[in-house]
């Protein structure tokens, strides 16, 4: 016997009212109920990062969260980020550096990159690599992905006089 409950969930600034089986994952809600297919169903075990979304601003694997667990917390998908100006440096960098070879893993990498750069705007290459641990690319395009991540970091750097002074010898 499946237990069902009503769930109100905010995704990409839109409130949705659903009735769901308690075992329904956030990924299933996004893809099957809300037709938001940017988060990919790949491993379904939290091992690849293809389903990464932001929950209350933090990157999380949607395949590992029950929809009921995100009640009261805002969810933002790649589709929601794509409409935000603050995401533009990441998007432009992934395009410029061909960081999405086949494109399957790109949404997860892009969401994680955005979250990392929001938390650590002046992160080193090593810190950025660490932030992307757990994200897999089946095409093995890691060099291009890291070039895109580093490019995104440069693109979002402030252009204030303070930032210029910090970069001068």
Protein backbone atom coordinates (compact mmCIF):
# COMPACT_ATOMS: atom_id res chain seq x y z
CA UNK A 1 0.00 0.00 0.00
CA UNK A 2 1.45 3.34 -1.04
CA UNK A 3 1.09 6.26 1.29
CA UNK A 4 0.33 9.55 -0.43
CA UNK A 5 0.44 13.11 0.86
CA UNK A 6 -0.09 16.58 -0.44
CA UNK A 7 3.08 18.52 -1.06
CA UNK A 8 3.53 22.19 -1.85
CA UNK A 9 6.94 22.77 -3.36
CA UNK A 10 8.56 25.89 -4.77
CA UNK A 11 10.64 25.19 -7.86
CA UNK A 12 12.24 28.02 -9.83
CA UNK A 13 10.14 30.57 -7.93
CA UNK A 14 6.86 28.80 -8.82
CA UNK A 15 4.70 27.15 -6.19
CA UNK A 16 3.39 23.71 -7.17
CA UNK A 17 0.78 21.65 -5.33
CA UNK A 18 1.13 17.91 -5.81
CA UNK A 19 -0.13 14.69 -4.29
CA UNK A 20 2.68 12.19 -4.14
CA UNK A 21 3.64 8.78 -2.92
CA UNK A 22 6.00 9.24 0.03
CA UNK A 23 8.74 7.35 -1.86
CA UNK A 24 8.82 9.83 -4.76
CA UNK A 25 12.22 11.44 -5.21
CA UNK A 26 12.77 15.08 -5.99
CA UNK A 27 14.21 14.01 -9.35
CA UNK A 28 10.99 12.17 -10.21
CA UNK A 29 8.95 15.24 -9.29
CA UNK A 30 11.08 17.52 -11.43
CA UNK A 31 11.17 15.28 -14.49
CA UNK A 32 7.88 13.38 -14.36
CA UNK A 33 5.51 15.84 -12.69
CA UNK A 34 6.89 19.28 -13.56
CA UNK A 35 8.47 18.45 -16.96
CA UNK A 36 11.82 19.98 -15.92
CA UNK A 37 14.28 17.65 -17.60
CA UNK A 38 17.56 19.49 -17.07
CA UNK A 39 18.42 17.37 -14.02
CA UNK A 40 19.30 14.01 -15.55
CA UNK A 41 18.43 10.54 -14.35
CA UNK A 42 21.68 8.64 -14.68
CA UNK A 43 23.00 6.57 -11.79
CA UNK A 44 20.00 7.02 -9.45
CA UNK A 45 22.46 6.40 -6.60
CA UNK A 46 24.02 9.80 -5.91
CA UNK A 47 27.30 8.88 -7.58
CA UNK A 48 27.42 11.00 -10.75
CA UNK A 49 26.02 14.49 -10.10
CA UNK A 50 23.91 14.59 -13.28
CA UNK A 51 20.80 15.39 -11.23
CA UNK A 52 22.31 18.27 -9.22
CA UNK A 53 19.90 21.05 -8.25
CA UNK A 54 20.03 23.80 -5.64
CA UNK A 55 17.99 23.26 -2.49
CA UNK A 56 17.96 26.35 -0.28
CA UNK A 57 21.00 27.49 -2.27
CA UNK A 58 23.02 24.32 -1.69
CA UNK A 59 23.87 21.83 -4.47
CA UNK A 60 22.23 18.48 -3.85
CA UNK A 61 21.58 15.30 -5.80
CA UNK A 62 17.86 15.24 -6.62
CA UNK A 63 17.92 11.44 -6.99
CA UNK A 64 18.87 11.11 -3.32
CA UNK A 65 16.19 13.36 -1.83
CA UNK A 66 12.62 12.41 -1.25
CA UNK A 67 10.34 15.17 -2.44
CA UNK A 68 8.87 15.38 1.06
CA UNK A 69 12.33 16.30 2.39
CA UNK A 70 12.44 19.60 0.49
CA UNK A 71 9.13 20.88 1.83
CA UNK A 72 9.55 24.52 2.79
CA UNK A 73 12.87 24.93 0.93
CA UNK A 74 13.29 26.58 -2.46
CA UNK A 75 14.48 24.33 -5.28
CA UNK A 76 16.28 25.81 -8.30
CA UNK A 77 17.05 23.73 -11.37
CA UNK A 78 19.25 24.47 -14.36
CA UNK A 79 16.13 25.80 -16.10
CA UNK A 80 15.65 28.31 -13.28
CA UNK A 81 19.30 29.33 -13.25
CA UNK A 82 19.29 29.85 -17.02
CA UNK A 83 16.94 32.81 -16.56
CA UNK A 84 19.16 34.53 -13.97
CA UNK A 85 21.76 37.10 -14.96
CA UNK A 86 24.10 35.87 -12.21
CA UNK A 87 24.30 32.49 -14.00
CA UNK A 88 25.38 34.08 -17.30
CA UNK A 89 29.16 33.87 -16.64
CA UNK A 90 28.86 30.10 -16.07
CA UNK A 91 26.71 29.58 -19.15
CA UNK A 92 28.93 31.71 -21.37
CA UNK A 93 32.07 29.95 -20.11
CA UNK A 94 30.70 26.46 -20.74
CA UNK A 95 29.77 27.49 -24.30
CA UNK A 96 33.07 29.28 -24.97
CA UNK A 97 35.20 26.41 -23.64
CA UNK A 98 33.05 23.62 -25.13
CA UNK A 99 32.55 22.37 -21.58
CA UNK A 100 29.58 20.26 -22.56
CA UNK A 101 30.89 17.75 -25.06
CA UNK A 102 27.79 15.52 -25.32
CA UNK A 103 25.82 17.71 -22.92
CA UNK A 104 24.42 15.01 -20.65
CA UNK A 105 26.45 15.92 -17.58
CA UNK A 106 26.59 19.65 -18.32
CA UNK A 107 23.56 20.74 -16.28
CA UNK A 108 24.91 19.06 -13.14
CA UNK A 109 28.39 20.49 -13.62
CA UNK A 110 26.99 23.96 -14.38
CA UNK A 111 24.74 24.01 -11.30
CA UNK A 112 27.60 22.82 -9.08
CA UNK A 113 29.96 25.38 -10.64
CA UNK A 114 27.47 28.19 -10.03
CA UNK A 115 27.01 27.13 -6.40
CA UNK A 116 30.76 26.86 -5.86
CA UNK A 117 31.44 30.30 -7.31
CA UNK A 118 28.65 31.82 -5.21
CA UNK A 119 30.25 30.41 -2.06
CA UNK A 120 33.88 30.83 -3.09
CA UNK A 121 34.11 33.66 -5.65
CA UNK A 122 37.91 33.71 -5.53
CA UNK A 123 38.43 29.95 -5.36
CA UNK A 124 41.68 28.41 -6.52
CA UNK A 125 41.73 25.76 -9.24
CA UNK A 126 42.23 23.10 -6.56
CA UNK A 127 39.24 24.38 -4.56
CA UNK A 128 37.09 24.36 -7.69
CA UNK A 129 38.16 20.79 -8.48
CA UNK A 130 37.25 19.79 -4.94
CA UNK A 131 33.81 21.42 -5.30
CA UNK A 132 33.12 19.23 -8.33
CA UNK A 133 34.09 15.92 -6.72
CA UNK A 134 31.27 13.48 -7.31
CA UNK A 135 30.43 14.77 -10.78
CA UNK A 136 31.17 12.36 -13.59
CA UNK A 137 31.54 12.97 -17.32
CA UNK A 138 31.06 9.90 -19.46
CA UNK A 139 32.86 11.57 -22.39
CA UNK A 140 35.93 12.23 -20.24
CA UNK A 141 35.83 15.95 -21.11
CA UNK A 142 37.24 16.97 -17.72
CA UNK A 143 39.91 19.27 -19.18
CA UNK A 144 37.28 21.25 -21.09
CA UNK A 145 34.95 21.27 -18.11
CA UNK A 146 37.70 22.60 -15.82
CA UNK A 147 38.64 25.20 -18.46
CA UNK A 148 34.98 26.30 -18.43
CA UNK A 149 34.88 26.40 -14.63
CA UNK A 150 38.04 28.52 -14.49
CA UNK A 151 36.69 30.78 -17.27
CA UNK A 152 33.43 31.20 -15.33
CA UNK A 153 35.43 32.19 -12.27
CA UNK A 154 37.30 34.85 -14.25
CA UNK A 155 34.09 36.11 -15.90
CA UNK A 156 32.34 36.66 -12.60
CA UNK A 157 35.22 38.41 -10.85
CA UNK A 158 34.31 41.94 -9.80
CA UNK A 159 35.81 44.74 -11.85
CA UNK A 160 36.08 47.15 -8.95
CA UNK A 161 39.25 49.07 -8.12
CA UNK A 162 39.78 46.72 -5.16
CA UNK A 163 39.81 43.69 -7.42
CA UNK A 164 42.23 45.40 -9.78
CA UNK A 165 44.53 46.29 -6.89
CA UNK A 166 44.54 42.68 -5.68
CA UNK A 167 45.68 41.40 -9.06
CA UNK A 168 48.49 43.90 -9.51
CA UNK A 169 51.99 42.79 -8.38
